[in-house]
Amino acid sequence: MVRKQIYLTEDQSGELAAIAKSAGKKQSELIREAIDLFIDQAGNSHRESVLRKTAGMWKDRTDLPDFKAIRAEWDRN
């Protein structure tokens, strides 16, 4: 693990301590779990954004080969 120093407000520190006590976990464990959730959400949002930006990007291209015809040649039906 990598050690990081963070600053919390008094309220954040108090709430974190209370949650840790009631959950029977260390504060550092809760912070790692929260960061994991944040990374998952940010990653999903980024992936979705990229997919939305690229959706249909080839639909109006005229310089591409006729993929249906090429595929039809490969079919062995």
PDB file of N, CA and C in Angstrom:
ATOM      1  N   MET A   1       0.835  -1.184   0.000  1.00  0.00           N
ATOM      2  CA  MET A   1       0.000   0.000   0.000  1.00  0.00           C
ATOM      3  C   MET A   1       0.871   1.236   0.000  1.00  0.00           C
ATOM      4  N   VAL A   2       0.284   2.303  -0.498  1.00  0.00           N
ATOM      5  CA  VAL A   2       0.963   3.590  -0.549  1.00  0.00           C
ATOM      6  C   VAL A   2       0.346   4.495   0.508  1.00  0.00           C
ATOM      7  N   ARG A   3       1.191   5.149   1.253  1.00  0.00           N
ATOM      8  CA  ARG A   3       0.704   6.039   2.311  1.00  0.00           C
ATOM      9  C   ARG A   3       0.381   7.401   1.709  1.00  0.00           C
ATOM     10  N   LYS A   4      -0.804   7.943   2.052  1.00  0.00           N
ATOM     11  CA  LYS A   4      -1.239   9.265   1.609  1.00  0.00           C
ATOM     12  C   LYS A   4      -1.717  10.050   2.817  1.00  0.00           C
ATOM     13  N   GLN A   5      -1.447  11.324   2.803  1.00  0.00           N
ATOM     14  CA  GLN A   5      -1.938  12.191   3.869  1.00  0.00           C
ATOM     15  C   GLN A   5      -3.098  13.000   3.301  1.00  0.00           C
ATOM     16  N   ILE A   6      -4.219  13.030   4.027  1.00  0.00           N
ATOM     17  CA  ILE A   6      -5.378  13.800   3.581  1.00  0.00           C
ATOM     18  C   ILE A   6      -5.833  14.723   4.702  1.00  0.00           C
ATOM     19  N   TYR A   7      -6.562  15.746   4.324  1.00  0.00           N
ATOM     20  CA  TYR A   7      -7.121  16.670   5.298  1.00  0.00           C
ATOM     21  C   TYR A   7      -8.638  16.544   5.268  1.00  0.00           C
ATOM     22  N   LEU A   8      -9.231  16.405   6.440  1.00  0.00           N
ATOM     23  CA  LEU A   8     -10.684  16.324   6.589  1.00  0.00           C
ATOM     24  C   LEU A   8     -11.159  17.480   7.437  1.00  0.00           C
ATOM     25  N   THR A   9     -12.406  17.872   7.221  1.00  0.00           N
ATOM     26  CA  THR A   9     -12.991  18.868   8.108  1.00  0.00           C
ATOM     27  C   THR A   9     -13.278  18.190   9.441  1.00  0.00           C
ATOM     28  N   GLU A  10     -13.552  18.990  10.450  1.00  0.00           N
ATOM     29  CA  GLU A  10     -13.896  18.431  11.761  1.00  0.00           C
ATOM     30  C   GLU A  10     -15.147  17.557  11.650  1.00  0.00           C
ATOM     31  N   ASP A  11     -16.131  18.036  10.893  1.00  0.00           N
ATOM     32  CA  ASP A  11     -17.367  17.261  10.723  1.00  0.00           C
ATOM     33  C   ASP A  11     -17.094  15.932  10.020  1.00  0.00           C
ATOM     34  N   GLN A  12     -16.298  15.966   8.954  1.00  0.00           N
ATOM     35  CA  GLN A  12     -15.970  14.729   8.229  1.00  0.00           C
ATOM     36  C   GLN A  12     -15.254  13.739   9.135  1.00  0.00           C
ATOM     37  N   SER A  13     -14.322  14.254   9.921  1.00  0.00           N
ATOM     38  CA  SER A  13     -13.558  13.392  10.820  1.00  0.00           C
ATOM     39  C   SER A  13     -14.465  12.752  11.868  1.00  0.00           C
ATOM     40  N   GLY A  14     -15.371  13.543  12.418  1.00  0.00           N
ATOM     41  CA  GLY A  14     -16.295  13.013  13.429  1.00  0.00           C
ATOM     42  C   GLY A  14     -17.240  11.970  12.849  1.00  0.00           C
ATOM     43  N   GLU A  15     -17.808  12.270  11.684  1.00  0.00           N
ATOM     44  CA  GLU A  15     -18.716  11.320  11.031  1.00  0.00           C
ATOM     45  C   GLU A  15     -17.988  10.036  10.662  1.00  0.00           C
ATOM     46  N   LEU A  16     -16.771  10.178  10.136  1.00  0.00           N
ATOM     47  CA  LEU A  16     -15.990   9.004   9.753  1.00  0.00           C
ATOM     48  C   LEU A  16     -15.692   8.136  10.976  1.00  0.00           C
ATOM     49  N   ALA A  17     -15.335   8.758  12.083  1.00  0.00           N
ATOM     50  CA  ALA A  17     -15.044   8.014  13.313  1.00  0.00           C
ATOM     51  C   ALA A  17     -16.296   7.274  13.799  1.00  0.00           C
ATOM     52  N   ALA A  18     -17.441   7.933  13.740  1.00  0.00           N
ATOM     53  CA  ALA A  18     -18.689   7.304  14.195  1.00  0.00           C
ATOM     54  C   ALA A  18     -19.069   6.128  13.299  1.00  0.00           C
ATOM     55  N   ILE A  19     -18.933   6.316  11.980  1.00  0.00           N
ATOM     56  CA  ILE A  19     -19.261   5.227  11.049  1.00  0.00           C
ATOM     57  C   ILE A  19     -18.308   4.055  11.250  1.00  0.00           C
ATOM     58  N   ALA A  20     -17.034   4.354  11.430  1.00  0.00           N
ATOM     59  CA  ALA A  20     -16.037   3.294  11.634  1.00  0.00           C
ATOM     60  C   ALA A  20     -16.353   2.504  12.904  1.00  0.00           C
ATOM     61  N   LYS A  21     -16.714   3.208  13.946  1.00  0.00           N
ATOM     62  CA  LYS A  21     -17.024   2.536  15.210  1.00  0.00           C
ATOM     63  C   LYS A  21     -18.248   1.641  15.070  1.00  0.00           C
ATOM     64  N   SER A  22     -19.298   2.156  14.431  1.00  0.00           N
ATOM     65  CA  SER A  22     -20.517   1.360  14.302  1.00  0.00           C
ATOM     66  C   SER A  22     -20.344   0.203  13.321  1.00  0.00           C
ATOM     67  N   ALA A  23     -19.455   0.363  12.336  1.00  0.00           N
ATOM     68  CA  ALA A  23     -19.232  -0.703  11.355  1.00  0.00           C
ATOM     69  C   ALA A  23     -18.154  -1.686  11.813  1.00  0.00           C
ATOM     70  N   GLY A  24     -17.452  -1.316  12.869  1.00  0.00           N
ATOM     71  CA  GLY A  24     -16.378  -2.181  13.357  1.00  0.00           C
ATOM     72  C   GLY A  24     -15.205  -2.241  12.388  1.00  0.00           C
ATOM     73  N   LYS A  25     -14.965  -1.123  11.712  1.00  0.00           N
ATOM     74  CA  LYS A  25     -13.863  -1.051  10.745  1.00  0.00           C
ATOM     75  C   LYS A  25     -12.957   0.108  11.100  1.00  0.00           C
ATOM     76  N   LYS A  26     -11.762   0.079  10.540  1.00  0.00           N
ATOM     77  CA  LYS A  26     -10.834   1.191  10.713  1.00  0.00           C
ATOM     78  C   LYS A  26     -11.233   2.315   9.758  1.00  0.00           C
ATOM     79  N   GLN A  27     -10.928   3.544  10.152  1.00  0.00           N
ATOM     80  CA  GLN A  27     -11.235   4.686   9.306  1.00  0.00           C
ATOM     81  C   GLN A  27     -10.521   4.580   7.959  1.00  0.00           C
ATOM     82  N   SER A  28      -9.289   4.124   7.973  1.00  0.00           N
ATOM     83  CA  SER A  28      -8.536   3.993   6.725  1.00  0.00           C
ATOM     84  C   SER A  28      -9.204   3.000   5.774  1.00  0.00           C
ATOM     85  N   GLU A  29      -9.803   1.953   6.322  1.00  0.00           N
ATOM     86  CA  GLU A  29     -10.513   0.963   5.511  1.00  0.00           C
ATOM     87  C   GLU A  29     -11.734   1.597   4.846  1.00  0.00           C
ATOM     88  N   LEU A  30     -12.470   2.403   5.610  1.00  0.00           N
ATOM     89  CA  LEU A  30     -13.633   3.090   5.051  1.00  0.00           C
ATOM     90  C   LEU A  30     -13.222   4.079   3.960  1.00  0.00           C
ATOM     91  N   ILE A  31     -12.124   4.761   4.168  1.00  0.00           N
ATOM     92  CA  ILE A  31     -11.637   5.712   3.163  1.00  0.00           C
ATOM     93  C   ILE A  31     -11.265   4.971   1.878  1.00  0.00           C
ATOM     94  N   ARG A  32     -10.584   3.832   1.999  1.00  0.00           N
ATOM     95  CA  ARG A  32     -10.233   3.045   0.806  1.00  0.00           C
ATOM     96  C   ARG A  32     -11.482   2.560   0.084  1.00  0.00           C
ATOM     97  N   GLU A  33     -12.507   2.119   0.847  1.00  0.00           N
ATOM     98  CA  GLU A  33     -13.759   1.667   0.235  1.00  0.00           C
ATOM     99  C   GLU A  33     -14.444   2.819  -0.505  1.00  0.00           C
ATOM    100  N   ALA A  34     -14.442   4.000   0.096  1.00  0.00           N
ATOM    101  CA  ALA A  34     -15.066   5.164  -0.536  1.00  0.00           C
ATOM    102  C   ALA A  34     -14.323   5.541  -1.820  1.00  0.00           C
ATOM    103  N   ILE A  35     -13.005   5.472  -1.784  1.00  0.00           N
ATOM    104  CA  ILE A  35     -12.211   5.781  -2.978  1.00  0.00           C
ATOM    105  C   ILE A  35     -12.473   4.754  -4.071  1.00  0.00           C
ATOM    106  N   ASP A  36     -12.584   3.475  -3.707  1.00  0.00           N
ATOM    107  CA  ASP A  36     -12.912   2.438  -4.691  1.00  0.00           C
ATOM    108  C   ASP A  36     -14.249   2.716  -5.362  1.00  0.00           C
ATOM    109  N   LEU A  37     -15.257   3.094  -4.573  1.00  0.00           N
ATOM    110  CA  LEU A  37     -16.571   3.431  -5.126  1.00  0.00           C
ATOM    111  C   LEU A  37     -16.476   4.617  -6.080  1.00  0.00           C
ATOM    112  N   PHE A  38     -15.741   5.625  -5.680  1.00  0.00           N
ATOM    113  CA  PHE A  38     -15.574   6.817  -6.508  1.00  0.00           C
ATOM    114  C   PHE A  38     -14.888   6.467  -7.824  1.00  0.00           C
ATOM    115  N   ILE A  39     -13.842   5.657  -7.760  1.00  0.00           N
ATOM    116  CA  ILE A  39     -13.120   5.251  -8.969  1.00  0.00           C
ATOM    117  C   ILE A  39     -14.032   4.454  -9.888  1.00  0.00           C
ATOM    118  N   ASP A  40     -14.818   3.547  -9.341  1.00  0.00           N
ATOM    119  CA  ASP A  40     -15.761   2.768 -10.148  1.00  0.00           C
ATOM    120  C   ASP A  40     -16.768   3.680 -10.848  1.00  0.00           C
ATOM    121  N   GLN A  41     -17.334   4.614 -10.107  1.00  0.00           N
ATOM    122  CA  GLN A  41     -18.332   5.515 -10.680  1.00  0.00           C
ATOM    123  C   GLN A  41     -17.714   6.416 -11.745  1.00  0.00           C
ATOM    124  N   ALA A  42     -16.542   6.953 -11.466  1.00  0.00           N
ATOM    125  CA  ALA A  42     -15.872   7.832 -12.426  1.00  0.00           C
ATOM    126  C   ALA A  42     -15.471   7.045 -13.668  1.00  0.00           C
ATOM    127  N   GLY A  43     -15.002   5.819 -13.472  1.00  0.00           N
ATOM    128  CA  GLY A  43     -14.605   4.982 -14.606  1.00  0.00           C
ATOM    129  C   GLY A  43     -15.786   4.625 -15.479  1.00  0.00           C
ATOM    130  N   ASN A  44     -16.913   4.251 -14.865  1.00  0.00           N
ATOM    131  CA  ASN A  44     -18.115   3.925 -15.631  1.00  0.00           C
ATOM    132  C   ASN A  44     -18.619   5.135 -16.386  1.00  0.00           C
ATOM    133  N   SER A  45     -18.584   6.285 -15.740  1.00  0.00           N
ATOM    134  CA  SER A  45     -19.043   7.507 -16.379  1.00  0.00           C
ATOM    135  C   SER A  45     -18.157   7.848 -17.573  1.00  0.00           C
ATOM    136  N   HIS A  46     -16.857   7.676 -17.416  1.00  0.00           N
ATOM    137  CA  HIS A  46     -15.918   7.968 -18.506  1.00  0.00           C
ATOM    138  C   HIS A  46     -16.137   7.013 -19.674  1.00  0.00           C
ATOM    139  N   ARG A  47     -16.279   5.716 -19.375  1.00  0.00           N
ATOM    140  CA  ARG A  47     -16.512   4.731 -20.434  1.00  0.00           C
ATOM    141  C   ARG A  47     -17.798   5.040 -21.185  1.00  0.00           C
ATOM    142  N   GLU A  48     -18.845   5.375 -20.440  1.00  0.00           N
ATOM    143  CA  GLU A  48     -20.126   5.691 -21.068  1.00  0.00           C
ATOM    144  C   GLU A  48     -20.008   6.932 -21.947  1.00  0.00           C
ATOM    145  N   SER A  49     -19.279   7.914 -21.476  1.00  0.00           N
ATOM    146  CA  SER A  49     -19.079   9.142 -22.244  1.00  0.00           C
ATOM    147  C   SER A  49     -18.345   8.854 -23.554  1.00  0.00           C
ATOM    148  N   VAL A  50     -17.312   8.037 -23.488  1.00  0.00           N
ATOM    149  CA  VAL A  50     -16.557   7.689 -24.684  1.00  0.00           C
ATOM    150  C   VAL A  50     -17.425   6.923 -25.667  1.00  0.00           C
ATOM    151  N   LEU A  51     -18.200   5.967 -25.167  1.00  0.00           N
ATOM    152  CA  LEU A  51     -19.083   5.202 -26.045  1.00  0.00           C
ATOM    153  C   LEU A  51     -20.125   6.092 -26.713  1.00  0.00           C
ATOM    154  N   ARG A  52     -20.683   7.030 -25.961  1.00  0.00           N
ATOM    155  CA  ARG A  52     -21.680   7.938 -26.544  1.00  0.00           C
ATOM    156  C   ARG A  52     -21.057   8.817 -27.623  1.00  0.00           C
ATOM    157  N   LYS A  53     -19.834   9.273 -27.404  1.00  0.00           N
ATOM    158  CA  LYS A  53     -19.162  10.126 -28.390  1.00  0.00           C
ATOM    159  C   LYS A  53     -18.830   9.366 -29.674  1.00  0.00           C
ATOM    160  N   THR A  54     -18.548   8.074 -29.548  1.00  0.00           N
ATOM    161  CA  THR A  54     -18.137   7.303 -30.727  1.00  0.00           C
ATOM    162  C   THR A  54     -19.295   6.593 -31.417  1.00  0.00           C
ATOM    163  N   ALA A  55     -20.456   6.559 -30.794  1.00  0.00           N
ATOM    164  CA  ALA A  55     -21.598   5.854 -31.380  1.00  0.00           C
ATOM    165  C   ALA A  55     -21.958   6.476 -32.727  1.00  0.00           C
ATOM    166  N   GLY A  56     -22.006   5.645 -33.750  1.00  0.00           N
ATOM    167  CA  GLY A  56     -22.419   6.079 -35.077  1.00  0.00           C
ATOM    168  C   GLY A  56     -21.387   6.882 -35.840  1.00  0.00           C
ATOM    169  N   MET A  57     -20.149   6.863 -35.401  1.00  0.00           N
ATOM    170  CA  MET A  57     -19.143   7.708 -36.045  1.00  0.00           C
ATOM    171  C   MET A  57     -18.820   7.292 -37.478  1.00  0.00           C
ATOM    172  N   TRP A  58     -19.163   6.069 -37.872  1.00  0.00           N
ATOM    173  CA  TRP A  58     -18.874   5.612 -39.237  1.00  0.00           C
ATOM    174  C   TRP A  58     -20.108   5.621 -40.121  1.00  0.00           C
ATOM    175  N   LYS A  59     -21.259   5.991 -39.605  1.00  0.00           N
ATOM    176  CA  LYS A  59     -22.505   5.803 -40.347  1.00  0.00           C
ATOM    177  C   LYS A  59     -22.567   6.596 -41.644  1.00  0.00           C
ATOM    178  N   ASP A  60     -21.970   7.755 -41.736  1.00  0.00           N
ATOM    179  CA  ASP A  60     -22.041   8.576 -42.948  1.00  0.00           C
ATOM    180  C   ASP A  60     -20.777   8.511 -43.802  1.00  0.00           C
ATOM    181  N   ARG A  61     -19.894   7.583 -43.498  1.00  0.00           N
ATOM    182  CA  ARG A  61     -18.649   7.476 -44.279  1.00  0.00           C
ATOM    183  C   ARG A  61     -18.928   6.807 -45.616  1.00  0.00           C
ATOM    184  N   THR A  62     -18.348   7.342 -46.665  1.00  0.00           N
ATOM    185  CA  THR A  62     -18.521   6.764 -48.008  1.00  0.00           C
ATOM    186  C   THR A  62     -17.246   6.098 -48.506  1.00  0.00           C
ATOM    187  N   ASP A  63     -16.178   6.237 -47.761  1.00  0.00           N
ATOM    188  CA  ASP A  63     -14.895   5.685 -48.203  1.00  0.00           C
ATOM    189  C   ASP A  63     -14.628   4.284 -47.661  1.00  0.00           C
ATOM    190  N   LEU A  64     -15.589   3.694 -46.980  1.00  0.00           N
ATOM    191  CA  LEU A  64     -15.410   2.366 -46.395  1.00  0.00           C
ATOM    192  C   LEU A  64     -15.969   1.299 -47.339  1.00  0.00           C
ATOM    193  N   PRO A  65     -15.395   0.102 -47.311  1.00  0.00           N
ATOM    194  CA  PRO A  65     -15.926  -0.968 -48.155  1.00  0.00           C
ATOM    195  C   PRO A  65     -17.310  -1.408 -47.688  1.00  0.00           C
ATOM    196  N   ASP A  66     -18.012  -2.115 -48.547  1.00  0.00           N
ATOM    197  CA  ASP A  66     -19.334  -2.648 -48.221  1.00  0.00           C
ATOM    198  C   ASP A  66     -19.136  -3.897 -47.364  1.00  0.00           C
ATOM    199  N   PHE A  67     -19.212  -3.709 -46.051  1.00  0.00           N
ATOM    200  CA  PHE A  67     -18.925  -4.811 -45.134  1.00  0.00           C
ATOM    201  C   PHE A  67     -19.947  -5.941 -45.249  1.00  0.00           C
ATOM    202  N   LYS A  68     -21.193  -5.608 -45.567  1.00  0.00           N
ATOM    203  CA  LYS A  68     -22.204  -6.656 -45.727  1.00  0.00           C
ATOM    204  C   LYS A  68     -21.845  -7.564 -46.899  1.00  0.00           C
ATOM    205  N   ALA A  69     -21.370  -6.977 -47.996  1.00  0.00           N
ATOM    206  CA  ALA A  69     -20.976  -7.778 -49.162  1.00  0.00           C
ATOM    207  C   ALA A  69     -19.761  -8.635 -48.836  1.00  0.00           C
ATOM    208  N   ILE A  70     -18.809  -8.055 -48.149  1.00  0.00           N
ATOM    209  CA  ILE A  70     -17.610  -8.816 -47.764  1.00  0.00           C
ATOM    210  C   ILE A  70     -17.997  -9.969 -46.847  1.00  0.00           C
ATOM    211  N   ARG A  71     -18.854  -9.689 -45.891  1.00  0.00           N
ATOM    212  CA  ARG A  71     -19.301 -10.716 -44.948  1.00  0.00           C
ATOM    213  C   ARG A  71     -20.079 -11.819 -45.689  1.00  0.00           C
ATOM    214  N   ALA A  72     -20.885 -11.431 -46.636  1.00  0.00           N
ATOM    215  CA  ALA A  72     -21.674 -12.401 -47.407  1.00  0.00           C
ATOM    216  C   ALA A  72     -20.743 -13.391 -48.136  1.00  0.00           C
ATOM    217  N   GLU A  73     -19.601 -12.896 -48.598  1.00  0.00           N
ATOM    218  CA  GLU A  73     -18.637 -13.765 -49.260  1.00  0.00           C
ATOM    219  C   GLU A  73     -18.060 -14.799 -48.280  1.00  0.00           C
ATOM    220  N   TRP A  74     -17.979 -14.443 -47.017  1.00  0.00           N
ATOM    221  CA  TRP A  74     -17.416 -15.342 -46.009  1.00  0.00           C
ATOM    222  C   TRP A  74     -18.410 -16.385 -45.542  1.00  0.00           C
ATOM    223  N   ASP A  75     -19.701 -16.038 -45.596  1.00  0.00           N
ATOM    224  CA  ASP A  75     -20.725 -16.975 -45.127  1.00  0.00           C
ATOM    225  C   ASP A  75     -20.714 -18.246 -45.960  1.00  0.00           C
ATOM    226  N   ARG A  76     -20.881 -19.364 -45.319  1.00  0.00           N
ATOM    227  CA  ARG A  76     -20.844 -20.646 -46.003  1.00  0.00           C
ATOM    228  C   ARG A  76     -22.216 -21.283 -46.118  1.00  0.00           C
ATOM    229  N   ASN A  77     -23.232 -20.512 -46.019  1.00  0.00           N
ATOM    230  CA  ASN A  77     -24.600 -21.057 -46.064  1.00  0.00           C
ATOM    231  C   ASN A  77     -24.925 -21.590 -47.401  1.00  0.00           C
TER     232      ASN A  77
END
